[in-house]
Amino acid sequence: MRSTSDSNIRELLRKANLYGTKCRIAMLKVLAKARRPLTQDEIARRMGRNRFNKVTIYRTLESFCRVGLVHKAYMHDRAWHFELADRCGEVRCHPHFTCTSCGVTRCLTDLSFPIVKGLKQGFVIHRQQVRLEGLCPACA
């Protein structure tokens, strides 16, 4: 879902059995336009004049995660980074690359990694996430 029209977003919310509130629509527009995962604070800033309090944004993100519209891509500096779940499978997310110099994280949707196999008995994988770190082309 990379289209940001109100009708597309409302349809997506309807299919997820969620009401099309102003906050939900604004937040999905921000996430659809984003080229990388965003923290809760980044989402709030990008919502601009559509300001909502932190609790509302947090609860909205949690409801999006619960129904599978959004997922927690990774945690960095004690903050979760969220993105639309439209380019990831139920148990596997596309990899991400974080530059250790400039701090920018990019989605690597053209890459895929096999699901990890061979874990000792008793481990149950719910979701596989891969985040690579190094220098981006601009910093290398």
Protein backbone atom coordinates (compact mmCIF):
# COMPACT_ATOMS: atom_id res chain seq x y z
CA MET A 1 0.00 0.00 0.00
CA ARG A 2 2.05 2.92 -1.19
CA SER A 3 -0.92 4.95 -2.44
CA THR A 4 -1.82 7.77 -0.08
CA SER A 5 -5.29 8.63 -1.33
CA ASP A 6 -7.92 8.87 1.38
CA SER A 7 -10.12 6.31 -0.35
CA ASN A 8 -7.31 3.72 -0.51
CA ILE A 9 -6.42 4.29 3.12
CA ARG A 10 -10.05 4.12 4.24
CA GLU A 11 -10.47 0.84 2.34
CA LEU A 12 -7.36 -0.59 3.99
CA LEU A 13 -8.70 0.38 7.42
CA ARG A 14 -12.12 -1.07 6.61
CA LYS A 15 -10.56 -4.41 5.61
CA ALA A 16 -8.67 -4.41 8.92
CA ASN A 17 -11.94 -3.70 10.82
CA LEU A 18 -10.64 -0.33 12.06
CA TYR A 19 -12.49 2.98 11.96
CA GLY A 20 -11.09 5.64 9.63
CA THR A 21 -10.24 8.25 12.27
CA LYS A 22 -8.26 11.40 11.43
CA CYS A 23 -5.28 10.09 13.37
CA ARG A 24 -5.26 6.69 11.65
CA ILE A 25 -5.59 8.21 8.18
CA ALA A 26 -2.88 10.81 8.82
CA MET A 27 -0.53 8.21 10.29
CA LEU A 28 -0.96 5.79 7.39
CA LYS A 29 -0.29 8.64 4.94
CA VAL A 30 2.97 9.42 6.75
CA LEU A 31 4.06 5.78 6.76
CA ALA A 32 3.10 5.30 3.09
CA LYS A 33 5.23 8.29 2.05
CA ALA A 34 8.20 7.31 4.22
CA ARG A 35 11.19 5.76 2.50
CA ARG A 36 12.43 4.18 5.71
CA PRO A 37 11.11 3.00 9.08
CA LEU A 38 10.15 5.84 11.43
CA THR A 39 10.07 6.21 15.21
CA GLN A 40 6.92 7.30 17.01
CA ASP A 41 8.40 10.82 17.41
CA GLU A 42 9.29 11.03 13.70
CA ILE A 43 5.76 10.00 12.78
CA ALA A 44 4.32 12.66 15.11
CA ARG A 45 6.55 15.38 13.58
CA ARG A 46 5.65 14.38 10.03
CA MET A 47 1.95 14.55 10.80
CA GLY A 48 2.45 18.33 10.89
CA ARG A 49 -0.70 20.27 11.62
CA ASN A 50 -2.51 17.01 12.38
CA ARG A 51 -0.94 16.85 15.85
CA PHE A 52 -2.10 14.14 18.17
CA ASN A 53 -0.83 13.35 21.66
CA LYS A 54 1.78 10.66 22.21
CA VAL A 55 -0.68 8.24 23.83
CA THR A 56 -3.01 8.40 20.82
CA ILE A 57 -0.11 7.81 18.43
CA TYR A 58 1.21 4.93 20.54
CA ARG A 59 -2.20 3.26 20.74
CA THR A 60 -2.77 3.73 17.03
CA LEU A 61 0.58 2.14 16.20
CA GLU A 62 -0.19 -0.78 18.51
CA SER A 63 -3.58 -1.31 16.85
CA PHE A 64 -1.93 -1.20 13.40
CA CYS A 65 0.62 -3.79 14.54
CA ARG A 66 -2.08 -6.00 16.02
CA VAL A 67 -3.99 -6.19 12.70
CA GLY A 68 -0.84 -6.47 10.56
CA LEU A 69 -0.93 -3.09 8.76
CA VAL A 70 2.31 -1.94 10.38
CA HIS A 71 5.16 -3.76 12.04
CA LYS A 72 8.04 -2.96 14.31
CA ALA A 73 10.97 -3.14 11.92
CA TYR A 74 13.70 -2.91 14.58
CA MET A 75 14.76 -1.13 17.77
CA HIS A 76 17.60 1.40 17.75
CA ASP A 77 18.61 3.77 20.57
CA ARG A 78 15.77 2.38 22.72
CA ALA A 79 13.11 3.40 20.17
CA TRP A 80 11.07 1.12 17.91
CA HIS A 81 11.04 1.96 14.21
CA PHE A 82 7.75 1.31 12.44
CA GLU A 83 6.89 0.77 8.78
CA LEU A 84 4.02 -0.49 6.68
CA ALA A 85 3.93 -4.26 6.58
CA ASP A 86 3.03 -4.45 2.88
CA ARG A 87 6.53 -5.49 1.75
CA CYS A 88 7.10 -8.16 4.37
CA GLY A 89 5.77 -11.61 5.04
CA GLU A 90 4.11 -12.79 8.21
CA VAL A 91 7.30 -14.26 9.67
CA ARG A 92 10.02 -12.51 7.68
CA CYS A 93 10.75 -8.82 7.18
CA HIS A 94 12.92 -7.40 4.42
CA PRO A 95 16.45 -6.48 5.61
CA HIS A 96 17.48 -2.97 6.64
CA PHE A 97 20.88 -1.24 6.42
CA THR A 98 21.92 1.40 8.97
CA CYS A 99 24.92 3.61 8.28
CA THR A 100 27.11 3.84 11.39
CA SER A 101 28.40 7.23 10.27
CA CYS A 102 25.32 9.26 9.23
CA GLY A 103 22.74 7.10 11.04
CA VAL A 104 20.37 6.78 8.06
CA THR A 105 18.55 3.47 7.71
CA ARG A 106 17.48 2.18 4.32
CA CYS A 107 15.10 -0.63 3.38
CA LEU A 108 16.75 -3.35 1.30
CA THR A 109 13.61 -4.71 -0.33
CA ASP A 110 15.57 -6.26 -3.21
CA LEU A 111 17.47 -8.57 -0.84
CA SER A 112 16.17 -11.61 0.96
CA PHE A 113 17.64 -13.92 3.53
CA PRO A 114 16.58 -17.52 4.10
CA ILE A 115 14.69 -18.34 7.27
CA VAL A 116 17.07 -19.48 9.98
CA LYS A 117 17.13 -23.25 10.41
CA GLY A 118 18.83 -25.56 12.86
CA LEU A 119 17.96 -23.88 16.16
CA LYS A 120 18.18 -26.13 19.16
CA GLN A 121 14.99 -27.86 20.21
CA GLY A 122 12.64 -25.67 22.19
CA PHE A 123 13.23 -22.40 20.31
CA VAL A 124 10.26 -21.04 18.38
CA ILE A 125 10.81 -18.28 15.82
CA HIS A 126 7.91 -15.86 15.57
CA ARG A 127 9.56 -13.30 13.28
CA GLN A 128 12.93 -12.98 11.59
CA GLN A 129 14.44 -9.51 11.17
CA VAL A 130 17.82 -8.66 9.68
CA ARG A 131 19.52 -5.30 10.16
CA LEU A 132 22.92 -4.72 8.64
CA GLU A 133 25.29 -2.00 9.84
CA GLY A 134 28.19 -0.36 8.06
CA LEU A 135 28.90 2.63 5.83
CA CYS A 136 26.48 3.82 3.17
CA PRO A 137 27.84 4.82 -0.29
CA ALA A 138 27.87 8.52 0.67
CA CYS A 139 29.93 7.89 3.84
CA ALA A 140 32.22 5.12 2.56
